[in-house]
PDB file of N, CA and C in Angstrom:
ATOM      1  N   UNK A   1      -2.380  16.496  -9.951  1.00  0.00           N
ATOM      2  CA  UNK A   1      -0.913  16.027  -9.028  1.00  0.00           C
ATOM      3  C   UNK A   1      -1.817  15.369  -7.795  1.00  0.00           C
ATOM      4  N   UNK A   2      -1.121  14.076  -8.130  1.00  0.00           N
ATOM      5  CA  UNK A   2      -0.751  13.189  -6.740  1.00  0.00           C
ATOM      6  C   UNK A   2      -0.157  13.661  -5.879  1.00  0.00           C
ATOM      7  N   UNK A   3      -0.618  13.781  -4.151  1.00  0.00           N
ATOM      8  CA  UNK A   3       0.102  13.692  -3.283  1.00  0.00           C
ATOM      9  C   UNK A   3       1.189  12.603  -2.919  1.00  0.00           C
ATOM     10  N   UNK A   4       2.172  13.070  -2.845  1.00  0.00           N
ATOM     11  CA  UNK A   4       3.407  11.811  -2.013  1.00  0.00           C
ATOM     12  C   UNK A   4       2.538  11.192  -0.956  1.00  0.00           C
ATOM     13  N   UNK A   5       2.846  10.383  -0.418  1.00  0.00           N
ATOM     14  CA  UNK A   5       2.551   9.494   0.578  1.00  0.00           C
ATOM     15  C   UNK A   5       2.574  10.001   1.979  1.00  0.00           C
ATOM     16  N   UNK A   6       4.285  10.700   1.754  1.00  0.00           N
ATOM     17  CA  UNK A   6       4.308  11.032   2.931  1.00  0.00           C
ATOM     18  C   UNK A   6       3.435  12.517   3.657  1.00  0.00           C
ATOM     19  N   UNK A   7       3.013  13.064   2.190  1.00  0.00           N
ATOM     20  CA  UNK A   7       1.986  14.177   1.989  1.00  0.00           C
ATOM     21  C   UNK A   7       0.817  13.888   2.934  1.00  0.00           C
ATOM     22  N   UNK A   8       0.852  12.536   2.136  1.00  0.00           N
ATOM     23  CA  UNK A   8      -0.963  12.058   2.793  1.00  0.00           C
ATOM     24  C   UNK A   8      -1.297  11.256   4.284  1.00  0.00           C
ATOM     25  N   UNK A   9      -0.011  10.956   4.192  1.00  0.00           N
ATOM     26  CA  UNK A   9       0.583  10.165   5.839  1.00  0.00           C
ATOM     27  C   UNK A   9      -0.184  11.415   6.769  1.00  0.00           C
ATOM     28  N   UNK A  10       0.713  12.563   6.960  1.00  0.00           N
ATOM     29  CA  UNK A  10       0.679  14.031   7.397  1.00  0.00           C
ATOM     30  C   UNK A  10      -1.044  14.860   7.474  1.00  0.00           C
ATOM     31  N   UNK A  11      -1.016  14.906   6.102  1.00  0.00           N
ATOM     32  CA  UNK A  11      -2.806  15.164   6.157  1.00  0.00           C
ATOM     33  C   UNK A  11      -3.222  14.593   6.259  1.00  0.00           C
ATOM     34  N   UNK A  12      -3.675  13.465   6.700  1.00  0.00           N
ATOM     35  CA  UNK A  12      -4.336  12.303   7.101  1.00  0.00           C
ATOM     36  C   UNK A  12      -4.621  12.337   9.479  1.00  0.00           C
ATOM     37  N   UNK A  13      -3.041  12.246   9.101  1.00  0.00           N
ATOM     38  CA  UNK A  13      -3.005  12.898  10.487  1.00  0.00           C
ATOM     39  C   UNK A  13      -3.866  14.134  11.595  1.00  0.00           C
ATOM     40  N   UNK A  14      -3.229  15.601  10.490  1.00  0.00           N
ATOM     41  CA  UNK A  14      -3.635  16.295  10.929  1.00  0.00           C
ATOM     42  C   UNK A  14      -5.852  16.921  10.771  1.00  0.00           C
ATOM     43  N   UNK A  15      -5.570  15.649  10.102  1.00  0.00           N
ATOM     44  CA  UNK A  15      -7.501  15.162   9.450  1.00  0.00           C
ATOM     45  C   UNK A  15      -8.024  15.137  10.535  1.00  0.00           C
ATOM     46  N   UNK A  16      -7.089  14.079  11.049  1.00  0.00           N
ATOM     47  CA  UNK A  16      -7.793  13.192  13.162  1.00  0.00           C
ATOM     48  C   UNK A  16      -7.851  14.119  13.349  1.00  0.00           C
ATOM     49  N   UNK A  17      -6.601  14.724  13.793  1.00  0.00           N
ATOM     50  CA  UNK A  17      -6.173  15.272  15.319  1.00  0.00           C
ATOM     51  C   UNK A  17      -7.219  16.553  14.928  1.00  0.00           C
ATOM     52  N   UNK A  18      -6.996  17.356  14.025  1.00  0.00           N
ATOM     53  CA  UNK A  18      -7.998  18.533  14.564  1.00  0.00           C
ATOM     54  C   UNK A  18      -8.875  18.696  13.312  1.00  0.00           C
ATOM     55  N   UNK A  19      -9.221  18.408  12.017  1.00  0.00           N
ATOM     56  CA  UNK A  19     -10.826  18.394  11.754  1.00  0.00           C
ATOM     57  C   UNK A  19     -11.466  17.375  12.459  1.00  0.00           C
ATOM     58  N   UNK A  20     -11.376  16.133  12.517  1.00  0.00           N
ATOM     59  CA  UNK A  20     -12.556  15.565  13.298  1.00  0.00           C
ATOM     60  C   UNK A  20     -13.066  16.210  14.207  1.00  0.00           C
ATOM     61  N   UNK A  21     -12.402  16.675  15.368  1.00  0.00           N
ATOM     62  CA  UNK A  21     -12.781  17.180  16.628  1.00  0.00           C
ATOM     63  C   UNK A  21     -13.745  18.335  15.997  1.00  0.00           C
ATOM     64  N   UNK A  22     -13.090  19.075  15.256  1.00  0.00           N
ATOM     65  CA  UNK A  22     -14.023  20.634  14.909  1.00  0.00           C
ATOM     66  C   UNK A  22     -15.413  19.729  13.865  1.00  0.00           C
ATOM     67  N   UNK A  23     -15.444  18.940  13.587  1.00  0.00           N
ATOM     68  CA  UNK A  23     -16.606  18.393  12.724  1.00  0.00           C
ATOM     69  C   UNK A  23     -17.441  17.871  13.886  1.00  0.00           C
ATOM     70  N   UNK A  24     -17.376  16.973  14.694  1.00  0.00           N
ATOM     71  CA  UNK A  24     -17.818  16.451  15.915  1.00  0.00           C
ATOM     72  C   UNK A  24     -18.475  18.172  16.819  1.00  0.00           C
ATOM     73  N   UNK A  25     -17.771  18.623  16.982  1.00  0.00           N
ATOM     74  CA  UNK A  25     -17.877  20.359  17.497  1.00  0.00           C
ATOM     75  C   UNK A  25     -18.963  21.087  17.071  1.00  0.00           C
ATOM     76  N   UNK A  26     -19.172  20.592  15.333  1.00  0.00           N
ATOM     77  CA  UNK A  26     -19.877  21.337  14.361  1.00  0.00           C
ATOM     78  C   UNK A  26     -21.233  20.616  14.050  1.00  0.00           C
ATOM     79  N   UNK A  27     -21.155  19.142  13.925  1.00  0.00           N
ATOM     80  CA  UNK A  27     -22.703  18.219  14.271  1.00  0.00           C
ATOM     81  C   UNK A  27     -22.960  18.544  15.531  1.00  0.00           C
ATOM     82  N   UNK A  28     -22.411  18.200  16.814  1.00  0.00           N
ATOM     83  CA  UNK A  28     -23.384  18.514  17.901  1.00  0.00           C
ATOM     84  C   UNK A  28     -24.177  19.581  18.096  1.00  0.00           C
ATOM     85  N   UNK A  29     -23.386  20.848  17.411  1.00  0.00           N
ATOM     86  CA  UNK A  29     -23.923  21.999  17.787  1.00  0.00           C
ATOM     87  C   UNK A  29     -25.124  22.362  16.494  1.00  0.00           C
ATOM     88  N   UNK A  30     -24.725  21.665  15.706  1.00  0.00           N
ATOM     89  CA  UNK A  30     -25.803  21.787  14.826  1.00  0.00           C
ATOM     90  C   UNK A  30     -27.292  20.727  15.293  1.00  0.00           C
ATOM     91  N   UNK A  31     -27.103  19.646  15.275  1.00  0.00           N
ATOM     92  CA  UNK A  31     -27.822  18.642  16.296  1.00  0.00           C
ATOM     93  C   UNK A  31     -29.026  19.258  17.644  1.00  0.00           C
ATOM     94  N   UNK A  32     -27.468  20.387  18.356  1.00  0.00           N
ATOM     95  CA  UNK A  32     -28.593  20.503  19.745  1.00  0.00           C
ATOM     96  C   UNK A  32     -29.343  22.529  19.062  1.00  0.00           C
ATOM     97  N   UNK A  33     -29.262  22.248  18.105  1.00  0.00           N
ATOM     98  CA  UNK A  33     -29.995  24.019  17.811  1.00  0.00           C
ATOM     99  C   UNK A  33     -31.821  23.612  17.539  1.00  0.00           C
ATOM    100  N   UNK A  34     -31.766  22.419  17.452  1.00  0.00           N
ATOM    101  CA  UNK A  34     -33.158  21.770  17.054  1.00  0.00           C
ATOM    102  C   UNK A  34     -33.298  21.331  18.136  1.00  0.00           C
ATOM    103  N   UNK A  35     -34.876  21.207  18.242  1.00  0.00           N
ATOM    104  CA  UNK A  35     -35.453  20.744  19.746  1.00  0.00           C
ATOM    105  C   UNK A  35     -35.170  19.202  19.857  1.00  0.00           C
ATOM    106  N   UNK A  36     -35.207  19.027  20.857  1.00  0.00           N
ATOM    107  CA  UNK A  36     -34.405  17.004  20.698  1.00  0.00           C
ATOM    108  C   UNK A  36     -35.628  16.426  20.369  1.00  0.00           C
ATOM    109  N   UNK A  37     -34.893  15.498  19.076  1.00  0.00           N
ATOM    110  CA  UNK A  37     -35.756  14.406  18.295  1.00  0.00           C
ATOM    111  C   UNK A  37     -35.939  13.265  19.101  1.00  0.00           C
ATOM    112  N   UNK A  38     -36.830  12.583  18.897  1.00  0.00           N
ATOM    113  CA  UNK A  38     -36.619  11.020  19.151  1.00  0.00           C
ATOM    114  C   UNK A  38     -35.767  10.257  19.348  1.00  0.00           C
ATOM    115  N   UNK A  39     -35.324   9.640  20.662  1.00  0.00           N
ATOM    116  CA  UNK A  39     -33.783   8.955  20.822  1.00  0.00           C
ATOM    117  C   UNK A  39     -33.196   8.186  19.455  1.00  0.00           C
ATOM    118  N   UNK A  40     -34.343   7.746  18.932  1.00  0.00           N
ATOM    119  CA  UNK A  40     -33.755   6.743  17.606  1.00  0.00           C
ATOM    120  C   UNK A  40     -33.576   7.682  16.533  1.00  0.00           C
ATOM    121  N   UNK A  41     -34.109   8.653  16.277  1.00  0.00           N
ATOM    122  CA  UNK A  41     -33.857   9.677  15.247  1.00  0.00           C
ATOM    123  C   UNK A  41     -32.914  10.409  15.607  1.00  0.00           C
ATOM    124  N   UNK A  42     -32.390  10.660  16.700  1.00  0.00           N
ATOM    125  CA  UNK A  42     -30.884  11.313  17.283  1.00  0.00           C
ATOM    126  C   UNK A  42     -30.014  10.444  16.963  1.00  0.00           C
ATOM    127  N   UNK A  43     -30.193   9.181  17.109  1.00  0.00           N
ATOM    128  CA  UNK A  43     -29.292   8.077  16.747  1.00  0.00           C
ATOM    129  C   UNK A  43     -29.256   8.128  15.200  1.00  0.00           C
ATOM    130  N   UNK A  44     -29.985   8.049  14.451  1.00  0.00           N
ATOM    131  CA  UNK A  44     -29.666   7.913  13.340  1.00  0.00           C
ATOM    132  C   UNK A  44     -29.097   9.271  12.188  1.00  0.00           C
ATOM    133  N   UNK A  45     -29.121  10.411  13.402  1.00  0.00           N
ATOM    134  CA  UNK A  45     -28.628  11.571  12.918  1.00  0.00           C
ATOM    135  C   UNK A  45     -27.056  11.267  12.577  1.00  0.00           C
ATOM    136  N   UNK A  46     -26.747  11.296  14.265  1.00  0.00           N
ATOM    137  CA  UNK A  46     -25.086  10.845  14.500  1.00  0.00           C
ATOM    138  C   UNK A  46     -24.486   9.906  13.974  1.00  0.00           C
ATOM    139  N   UNK A  47     -25.539   8.550  13.629  1.00  0.00           N
ATOM    140  CA  UNK A  47     -24.868   7.481  12.683  1.00  0.00           C
ATOM    141  C   UNK A  47     -24.468   8.264  11.025  1.00  0.00           C
ATOM    142  N   UNK A  48     -25.812   8.733  10.714  1.00  0.00           N
ATOM    143  CA  UNK A  48     -24.987   9.290   8.724  1.00  0.00           C
ATOM    144  C   UNK A  48     -23.899  10.560   9.152  1.00  0.00           C
ATOM    145  N   UNK A  49     -24.423  11.395  10.332  1.00  0.00           N
ATOM    146  CA  UNK A  49     -23.099  12.144  10.509  1.00  0.00           C
ATOM    147  C   UNK A  49     -21.672  11.408  10.397  1.00  0.00           C
ATOM    148  N   UNK A  50     -21.533  10.608  11.041  1.00  0.00           N
ATOM    149  CA  UNK A  50     -20.604   9.960  11.467  1.00  0.00           C
ATOM    150  C   UNK A  50     -19.722   8.741  10.616  1.00  0.00           C
ATOM    151  N   UNK A  51     -20.604   9.212   9.362  1.00  0.00           N
ATOM    152  CA  UNK A  51     -20.489   8.161   8.105  1.00  0.00           C
ATOM    153  C   UNK A  51     -19.972   9.468   7.448  1.00  0.00           C
ATOM    154  N   UNK A  52     -20.770  10.703   6.946  1.00  0.00           N
ATOM    155  CA  UNK A  52     -20.320  11.324   5.912  1.00  0.00           C
ATOM    156  C   UNK A  52     -19.019  11.631   5.911  1.00  0.00           C
ATOM    157  N   UNK A  53     -18.622  11.838   7.018  1.00  0.00           N
ATOM    158  CA  UNK A  53     -17.367  12.862   7.477  1.00  0.00           C
ATOM    159  C   UNK A  53     -16.265  12.005   6.155  1.00  0.00           C
ATOM    160  N   UNK A  54     -16.331  10.826   6.162  1.00  0.00           N
ATOM    161  CA  UNK A  54     -15.262   9.897   5.408  1.00  0.00           C
ATOM    162  C   UNK A  54     -14.986  10.028   4.084  1.00  0.00           C
ATOM    163  N   UNK A  55     -16.431  11.013   3.274  1.00  0.00           N
ATOM    164  CA  UNK A  55     -16.905  10.705   1.820  1.00  0.00           C
ATOM    165  C   UNK A  55     -15.513  11.368   1.456  1.00  0.00           C
ATOM    166  N   UNK A  56     -15.372  12.873   2.050  1.00  0.00           N
ATOM    167  CA  UNK A  56     -14.431  13.832   0.886  1.00  0.00           C
ATOM    168  C   UNK A  56     -12.776  13.626   1.527  1.00  0.00           C
ATOM    169  N   UNK A  57     -12.625  12.588   2.124  1.00  0.00           N
ATOM    170  CA  UNK A  57     -11.440  12.058   2.617  1.00  0.00           C
ATOM    171  C   UNK A  57     -10.878  10.991   2.617  1.00  0.00           C
ATOM    172  N   UNK A  58     -11.699  10.098   1.583  1.00  0.00           N
ATOM    173  CA  UNK A  58     -11.405   8.721   1.493  1.00  0.00           C
ATOM    174  C   UNK A  58     -10.251   8.470   0.811  1.00  0.00           C
ATOM    175  N   UNK A  59      -9.731   9.544  -0.459  1.00  0.00           N
ATOM    176  CA  UNK A  59      -8.514   9.457  -0.992  1.00  0.00           C
ATOM    177  C   UNK A  59      -7.369   9.467  -0.330  1.00  0.00           C
ATOM    178  N   UNK A  60      -7.688  10.476   1.124  1.00  0.00           N
ATOM    179  CA  UNK A  60      -6.816  10.731   1.602  1.00  0.00           C
ATOM    180  C   UNK A  60      -5.927   9.878   2.256  1.00  0.00           C
ATOM    181  N   UNK A  61      -6.895   8.478   2.653  1.00  0.00           N
ATOM    182  CA  UNK A  61      -6.454   7.773   3.925  1.00  0.00           C
ATOM    183  C   UNK A  61      -6.241   6.230   3.339  1.00  0.00           C
ATOM    184  N   UNK A  62      -6.894   6.286   1.698  1.00  0.00           N
ATOM    185  CA  UNK A  62      -6.678   5.670   1.119  1.00  0.00           C
ATOM    186  C   UNK A  62      -4.801   4.673   0.934  1.00  0.00           C
ATOM    187  N   UNK A  63      -4.502   3.260   1.689  1.00  0.00           N
ATOM    188  CA  UNK A  63      -3.032   3.458   1.096  1.00  0.00           C
ATOM    189  C   UNK A  63      -1.901   3.508   2.216  1.00  0.00           C
ATOM    190  N   UNK A  64      -3.096   4.800   3.507  1.00  0.00           N
ATOM    191  CA  UNK A  64      -1.933   5.653   4.299  1.00  0.00           C
ATOM    192  C   UNK A  64      -1.598   4.230   5.759  1.00  0.00           C
ATOM    193  N   UNK A  65      -2.360   3.291   5.239  1.00  0.00           N
ATOM    194  CA  UNK A  65      -1.572   2.151   6.582  1.00  0.00           C
ATOM    195  C   UNK A  65      -0.515   1.155   6.024  1.00  0.00           C
ATOM    196  N   UNK A  66      -0.563   1.392   4.702  1.00  0.00           N
ATOM    197  CA  UNK A  66       0.516   0.441   4.189  1.00  0.00           C
ATOM    198  C   UNK A  66       1.689   1.065   4.180  1.00  0.00           C
ATOM    199  N   UNK A  67       2.732  -0.250   3.900  1.00  0.00           N
ATOM    200  CA  UNK A  67       4.179   0.365   3.626  1.00  0.00           C
ATOM    201  C   UNK A  67       4.068   1.455   2.503  1.00  0.00           C
ATOM    202  N   UNK A  68       5.063   2.450   2.499  1.00  0.00           N
ATOM    203  CA  UNK A  68       5.704   3.099   1.621  1.00  0.00           C
ATOM    204  C   UNK A  68       6.134   2.261   0.368  1.00  0.00           C
ATOM    205  N   UNK A  69       5.222   2.920  -0.606  1.00  0.00           N
ATOM    206  CA  UNK A  69       5.552   2.324  -1.676  1.00  0.00           C
ATOM    207  C   UNK A  69       6.076   2.947  -2.759  1.00  0.00           C
ATOM    208  N   UNK A  70       6.882   3.918  -2.432  1.00  0.00           N
ATOM    209  CA  UNK A  70       8.601   4.632  -3.072  1.00  0.00           C
ATOM    210  C   UNK A  70       9.700   4.646  -2.581  1.00  0.00           C
ATOM    211  N   UNK A  71       9.299   3.892  -0.812  1.00  0.00           N
ATOM    212  CA  UNK A  71      10.486   3.789  -0.504  1.00  0.00           C
ATOM    213  C   UNK A  71      11.519   2.225  -0.579  1.00  0.00           C
ATOM    214  N   UNK A  72      12.786   2.516  -0.581  1.00  0.00           N
ATOM    215  CA  UNK A  72      13.061   0.673  -0.601  1.00  0.00           C
ATOM    216  C   UNK A  72      13.528  -0.001  -0.213  1.00  0.00           C
ATOM    217  N   UNK A  73      13.220  -1.325  -0.963  1.00  0.00           N
ATOM    218  CA  UNK A  73      12.626  -2.651  -0.001  1.00  0.00           C
ATOM    219  C   UNK A  73      13.608  -2.760   1.194  1.00  0.00           C
ATOM    220  N   UNK A  74      14.580  -2.485   1.219  1.00  0.00           N
ATOM    221  CA  UNK A  74      15.661  -2.314   2.736  1.00  0.00           C
ATOM    222  C   UNK A  74      15.408  -1.325   3.627  1.00  0.00           C
ATOM    223  N   UNK A  75      14.592  -0.653   3.062  1.00  0.00           N
ATOM    224  CA  UNK A  75      13.943   0.478   4.509  1.00  0.00           C
ATOM    225  C   UNK A  75      12.607   0.261   4.641  1.00  0.00           C
ATOM    226  N   UNK A  76      12.090  -0.041   4.156  1.00  0.00           N
ATOM    227  CA  UNK A  76      10.467  -0.794   4.264  1.00  0.00           C
ATOM    228  C   UNK A  76      10.183  -1.400   5.472  1.00  0.00           C
ATOM    229  N   UNK A  77      11.657  -2.505   5.494  1.00  0.00           N
ATOM    230  CA  UNK A  77      11.106  -3.275   6.714  1.00  0.00           C
ATOM    231  C   UNK A  77      11.475  -2.951   7.979  1.00  0.00           C
ATOM    232  N   UNK A  78      12.343  -1.563   8.249  1.00  0.00           N
ATOM    233  CA  UNK A  78      12.083  -0.658   9.295  1.00  0.00           C
ATOM    234  C   UNK A  78      10.710  -0.505  10.060  1.00  0.00           C
TER     235      UNK A  78
END
């Protein structure tokens, strides 16, 4: 079952406001559990972790910035 545009928009907002900060806290905590690596390796770890979060959420964010495809033409311009 596909999510409606409104549901995708609300879930994407929830993901950005709640899940993203939680993911950042978990990522920083996990990296801090190990002895501090070389600065370039640490940067690479954070870059990879910064890209990985979008993989499961990409379908949720797809098309959210576009006008509602189910809305009438006269209300889509508002």
